[in-house]
Amino acid sequence: MTPRFLRWSLRAYQRLLALYPDDLRRDFGPDMLEAFANDLAAGRALRVWRIALRELIHIGLPAWVRTPAVAVPAISAAMAIVTQSPLVIMTVVRKQDAPPLYAVSAITIGTAITALTSFAAVHRWKRAGLISLDIG
């Protein structure tokens, strides 16, 4: 294994640790990173990454999604997709003036704006103390 791949793997894993719950990352983050580095140095890169990604899927992502700062924009984006998808279907089926790619792009941009707006609102409300989200 090349030193370059080792450095890349450590940086990538360190960034992925941000998806774990705060208390787990605070208490065990340095140890997790050290164990990951030791296992990589032992030359078991594929096995180490497979275990790390499985752990991330089972522990990190569910905890991250339960965070209101993530859940609210995700729900908003899902609602935008659900409410706007009939427009895409009608455009594709009827072949109206707008090409289907245009409609899909418009909905994608609208969904992204909805999610980002929700994300910004949650963080602004949290910072201003207007609502309690029980985030850290």
C-alpha atoms as a PDB file:
ATOM      1  CA  MET A   1       0.000   0.000   0.000  1.00  0.00           C
ATOM      2  CA  THR A   2       1.380   3.397  -0.965  1.00  0.00           C
ATOM      3  CA  PRO A   3       1.896   6.185   1.558  1.00  0.00           C
ATOM      4  CA  ARG A   4      -0.302   8.389  -0.613  1.00  0.00           C
ATOM      5  CA  PHE A   5      -3.244   5.956  -0.316  1.00  0.00           C
ATOM      6  CA  LEU A   6      -2.639   5.713   3.437  1.00  0.00           C
ATOM      7  CA  ARG A   7      -2.764   9.510   3.823  1.00  0.00           C
ATOM      8  CA  TRP A   8      -5.879   9.736   1.645  1.00  0.00           C
ATOM      9  CA  SER A   9      -7.584   6.967   3.612  1.00  0.00           C
ATOM     10  CA  LEU A  10      -6.841   8.621   6.944  1.00  0.00           C
ATOM     11  CA  ARG A  11      -8.151  11.986   5.750  1.00  0.00           C
ATOM     12  CA  ALA A  12     -11.275  10.384   4.289  1.00  0.00           C
ATOM     13  CA  TYR A  13     -11.972   8.355   7.437  1.00  0.00           C
ATOM     14  CA  GLN A  14     -11.399  11.402   9.633  1.00  0.00           C
ATOM     15  CA  ARG A  15     -14.018  13.296   7.609  1.00  0.00           C
ATOM     16  CA  LEU A  16     -16.427  10.359   7.835  1.00  0.00           C
ATOM     17  CA  LEU A  17     -16.108  10.434  11.619  1.00  0.00           C
ATOM     18  CA  ALA A  18     -18.114  13.669  11.515  1.00  0.00           C
ATOM     19  CA  LEU A  19     -21.170  11.536  10.720  1.00  0.00           C
ATOM     20  CA  TYR A  20     -20.944   9.688  14.047  1.00  0.00           C
ATOM     21  CA  PRO A  21     -22.807  10.952  17.127  1.00  0.00           C
ATOM     22  CA  ASP A  22     -21.010  13.760  18.937  1.00  0.00           C
ATOM     23  CA  ASP A  23     -20.524  11.865  22.190  1.00  0.00           C
ATOM     24  CA  LEU A  24     -19.121   8.789  20.439  1.00  0.00           C
ATOM     25  CA  ARG A  25     -16.791  10.915  18.327  1.00  0.00           C
ATOM     26  CA  ARG A  26     -15.695  12.968  21.340  1.00  0.00           C
ATOM     27  CA  ASP A  27     -15.016   9.929  23.541  1.00  0.00           C
ATOM     28  CA  PHE A  28     -13.617   7.490  20.981  1.00  0.00           C
ATOM     29  CA  GLY A  29     -12.816   9.460  17.814  1.00  0.00           C
ATOM     30  CA  PRO A  30      -9.024   9.588  18.310  1.00  0.00           C
ATOM     31  CA  ASP A  31      -8.975   5.888  19.230  1.00  0.00           C
ATOM     32  CA  MET A  32     -11.086   4.995  16.193  1.00  0.00           C
ATOM     33  CA  LEU A  33      -8.745   6.943  13.930  1.00  0.00           C
ATOM     34  CA  GLU A  34      -5.689   5.297  15.497  1.00  0.00           C
ATOM     35  CA  ALA A  35      -7.159   1.796  15.135  1.00  0.00           C
ATOM     36  CA  PHE A  36      -8.056   2.554  11.515  1.00  0.00           C
ATOM     37  CA  ALA A  37      -4.502   3.757  10.823  1.00  0.00           C
ATOM     38  CA  ASN A  38      -2.963   0.701  12.504  1.00  0.00           C
ATOM     39  CA  ASP A  39      -5.158  -1.683  10.528  1.00  0.00           C
ATOM     40  CA  LEU A  40      -4.322   0.126   7.294  1.00  0.00           C
ATOM     41  CA  ALA A  41      -0.624  -0.010   8.091  1.00  0.00           C
ATOM     42  CA  ALA A  42      -0.963  -3.768   8.559  1.00  0.00           C
ATOM     43  CA  GLY A  43      -1.904  -3.953   4.881  1.00  0.00           C
ATOM     44  CA  ARG A  44      -5.577  -4.876   5.165  1.00  0.00           C
ATOM     45  CA  ALA A  45      -7.001  -1.850   3.344  1.00  0.00           C
ATOM     46  CA  LEU A  46      -9.970  -3.502   1.661  1.00  0.00           C
ATOM     47  CA  ARG A  47     -11.063  -5.284   4.828  1.00  0.00           C
ATOM     48  CA  VAL A  48     -10.572  -2.140   6.947  1.00  0.00           C
ATOM     49  CA  TRP A  49     -12.621   0.040   4.580  1.00  0.00           C
ATOM     50  CA  ARG A  50     -15.379  -2.580   4.347  1.00  0.00           C
ATOM     51  CA  ILE A  51     -15.679  -2.738   8.141  1.00  0.00           C
ATOM     52  CA  ALA A  52     -15.486   1.061   8.480  1.00  0.00           C
ATOM     53  CA  LEU A  53     -18.232   1.636   5.905  1.00  0.00           C
ATOM     54  CA  ARG A  54     -20.468  -1.048   7.413  1.00  0.00           C
ATOM     55  CA  GLU A  55     -19.996   0.557  10.828  1.00  0.00           C
ATOM     56  CA  LEU A  56     -20.770   3.971   9.376  1.00  0.00           C
ATOM     57  CA  ILE A  57     -23.983   2.701   7.792  1.00  0.00           C
ATOM     58  CA  HIS A  58     -25.163   0.987  10.979  1.00  0.00           C
ATOM     59  CA  ILE A  59     -24.067   3.582  13.568  1.00  0.00           C
ATOM     60  CA  GLY A  60     -23.123   6.896  11.993  1.00  0.00           C
ATOM     61  CA  LEU A  61     -25.828   7.514   9.416  1.00  0.00           C
ATOM     62  CA  PRO A  62     -28.841   6.576  11.595  1.00  0.00           C
ATOM     63  CA  ALA A  63     -27.609   8.897  14.355  1.00  0.00           C
ATOM     64  CA  TRP A  64     -26.928  11.658  11.855  1.00  0.00           C
ATOM     65  CA  VAL A  65     -30.378  11.386  10.290  1.00  0.00           C
ATOM     66  CA  ARG A  66     -32.009  11.680  13.741  1.00  0.00           C
ATOM     67  CA  THR A  67     -30.400  15.116  14.102  1.00  0.00           C
ATOM     68  CA  PRO A  68     -33.044  17.783  13.372  1.00  0.00           C
ATOM     69  CA  ALA A  69     -30.513  19.856  11.419  1.00  0.00           C
ATOM     70  CA  VAL A  70     -30.349  16.968   8.952  1.00  0.00           C
ATOM     71  CA  ALA A  71     -33.840  15.497   9.278  1.00  0.00           C
ATOM     72  CA  VAL A  72     -35.720  18.746   8.586  1.00  0.00           C
ATOM     73  CA  PRO A  73     -33.969  19.497   5.259  1.00  0.00           C
ATOM     74  CA  ALA A  74     -34.211  15.822   4.240  1.00  0.00           C
ATOM     75  CA  ILE A  75     -37.949  15.781   4.913  1.00  0.00           C
ATOM     76  CA  SER A  76     -38.350  19.099   3.075  1.00  0.00           C
ATOM     77  CA  ALA A  77     -36.444  17.776   0.072  1.00  0.00           C
ATOM     78  CA  ALA A  78     -38.482  14.555   0.054  1.00  0.00           C
ATOM     79  CA  MET A  79     -41.715  16.543   0.189  1.00  0.00           C
ATOM     80  CA  ALA A  80     -40.535  18.745  -2.691  1.00  0.00           C
ATOM     81  CA  ILE A  81     -39.777  15.655  -4.767  1.00  0.00           C
ATOM     82  CA  VAL A  82     -43.117  14.031  -3.948  1.00  0.00           C
ATOM     83  CA  THR A  83     -45.145  17.144  -4.647  1.00  0.00           C
ATOM     84  CA  GLN A  84     -43.306  18.053  -7.844  1.00  0.00           C
ATOM     85  CA  SER A  85     -42.851  14.600  -9.377  1.00  0.00           C
ATOM     86  CA  PRO A  86     -46.308  14.643 -11.039  1.00  0.00           C
ATOM     87  CA  LEU A  87     -45.052  17.604 -13.092  1.00  0.00           C
ATOM     88  CA  VAL A  88     -42.139  15.523 -14.371  1.00  0.00           C
ATOM     89  CA  ILE A  89     -44.405  12.571 -15.164  1.00  0.00           C
ATOM     90  CA  MET A  90     -46.859  14.776 -17.034  1.00  0.00           C
ATOM     91  CA  THR A  91     -44.050  16.464 -18.966  1.00  0.00           C
ATOM     92  CA  VAL A  92     -42.520  13.159 -20.008  1.00  0.00           C
ATOM     93  CA  VAL A  93     -45.850  11.510 -20.890  1.00  0.00           C
ATOM     94  CA  ARG A  94     -47.364  14.432 -22.779  1.00  0.00           C
ATOM     95  CA  LYS A  95     -44.070  15.665 -24.250  1.00  0.00           C
ATOM     96  CA  GLN A  96     -45.023  19.252 -23.604  1.00  0.00           C
ATOM     97  CA  ASP A  97     -43.002  22.244 -24.770  1.00  0.00           C
ATOM     98  CA  ALA A  98     -40.344  21.787 -22.097  1.00  0.00           C
ATOM     99  CA  PRO A  99     -38.052  18.836 -22.684  1.00  0.00           C
ATOM    100  CA  PRO A 100     -38.038  16.259 -19.864  1.00  0.00           C
ATOM    101  CA  LEU A 101     -34.455  17.105 -18.908  1.00  0.00           C
ATOM    102  CA  TYR A 102     -35.519  20.700 -18.305  1.00  0.00           C
ATOM    103  CA  ALA A 103     -38.319  19.600 -15.978  1.00  0.00           C
ATOM    104  CA  VAL A 104     -36.075  17.220 -14.072  1.00  0.00           C
ATOM    105  CA  SER A 105     -33.412  19.927 -13.739  1.00  0.00           C
ATOM    106  CA  ALA A 106     -35.981  22.420 -12.475  1.00  0.00           C
ATOM    107  CA  ILE A 107     -37.223  19.982  -9.852  1.00  0.00           C
ATOM    108  CA  THR A 108     -33.680  19.081  -8.817  1.00  0.00           C
ATOM    109  CA  ILE A 109     -32.786  22.739  -8.365  1.00  0.00           C
ATOM    110  CA  GLY A 110     -36.042  23.383  -6.505  1.00  0.00           C
ATOM    111  CA  THR A 111     -35.424  20.439  -4.209  1.00  0.00           C
ATOM    112  CA  ALA A 112     -31.872  21.552  -3.469  1.00  0.00           C
ATOM    113  CA  ILE A 113     -33.048  25.083  -2.681  1.00  0.00           C
ATOM    114  CA  THR A 114     -35.773  23.709  -0.389  1.00  0.00           C
ATOM    115  CA  ALA A 115     -33.292  21.521   1.485  1.00  0.00           C
ATOM    116  CA  LEU A 116     -30.706  24.305   1.840  1.00  0.00           C
ATOM    117  CA  THR A 117     -33.323  26.787   3.008  1.00  0.00           C
ATOM    118  CA  SER A 118     -34.567  24.345   5.639  1.00  0.00           C
ATOM    119  CA  PHE A 119     -31.004  23.627   6.758  1.00  0.00           C
ATOM    120  CA  ALA A 120     -30.225  27.343   7.095  1.00  0.00           C
ATOM    121  CA  ALA A 121     -33.481  27.974   8.975  1.00  0.00           C
ATOM    122  CA  VAL A 122     -32.822  25.200  11.487  1.00  0.00           C
ATOM    123  CA  HIS A 123     -29.321  26.475  12.210  1.00  0.00           C
ATOM    124  CA  ARG A 124     -30.438  30.090  12.436  1.00  0.00           C
ATOM    125  CA  TRP A 125     -33.278  29.238  14.828  1.00  0.00           C
ATOM    126  CA  LYS A 126     -30.957  27.138  16.938  1.00  0.00           C
ATOM    127  CA  ARG A 127     -28.345  29.898  17.111  1.00  0.00           C
ATOM    128  CA  ALA A 128     -30.934  32.567  17.929  1.00  0.00           C
ATOM    129  CA  GLY A 129     -32.481  30.345  20.610  1.00  0.00           C
ATOM    130  CA  LEU A 130     -35.950  30.698  19.082  1.00  0.00           C
ATOM    131  CA  ILE A 131     -36.619  26.984  19.323  1.00  0.00           C
ATOM    132  CA  SER A 132     -35.013  24.113  21.151  1.00  0.00           C
ATOM    133  CA  LEU A 133     -33.942  21.269  18.912  1.00  0.00           C
ATOM    134  CA  ASP A 134     -31.940  19.434  21.582  1.00  0.00           C
ATOM    135  CA  ILE A 135     -28.874  19.529  19.363  1.00  0.00           C
ATOM    136  CA  GLY A 136     -25.632  19.242  21.297  1.00  0.00           C
END
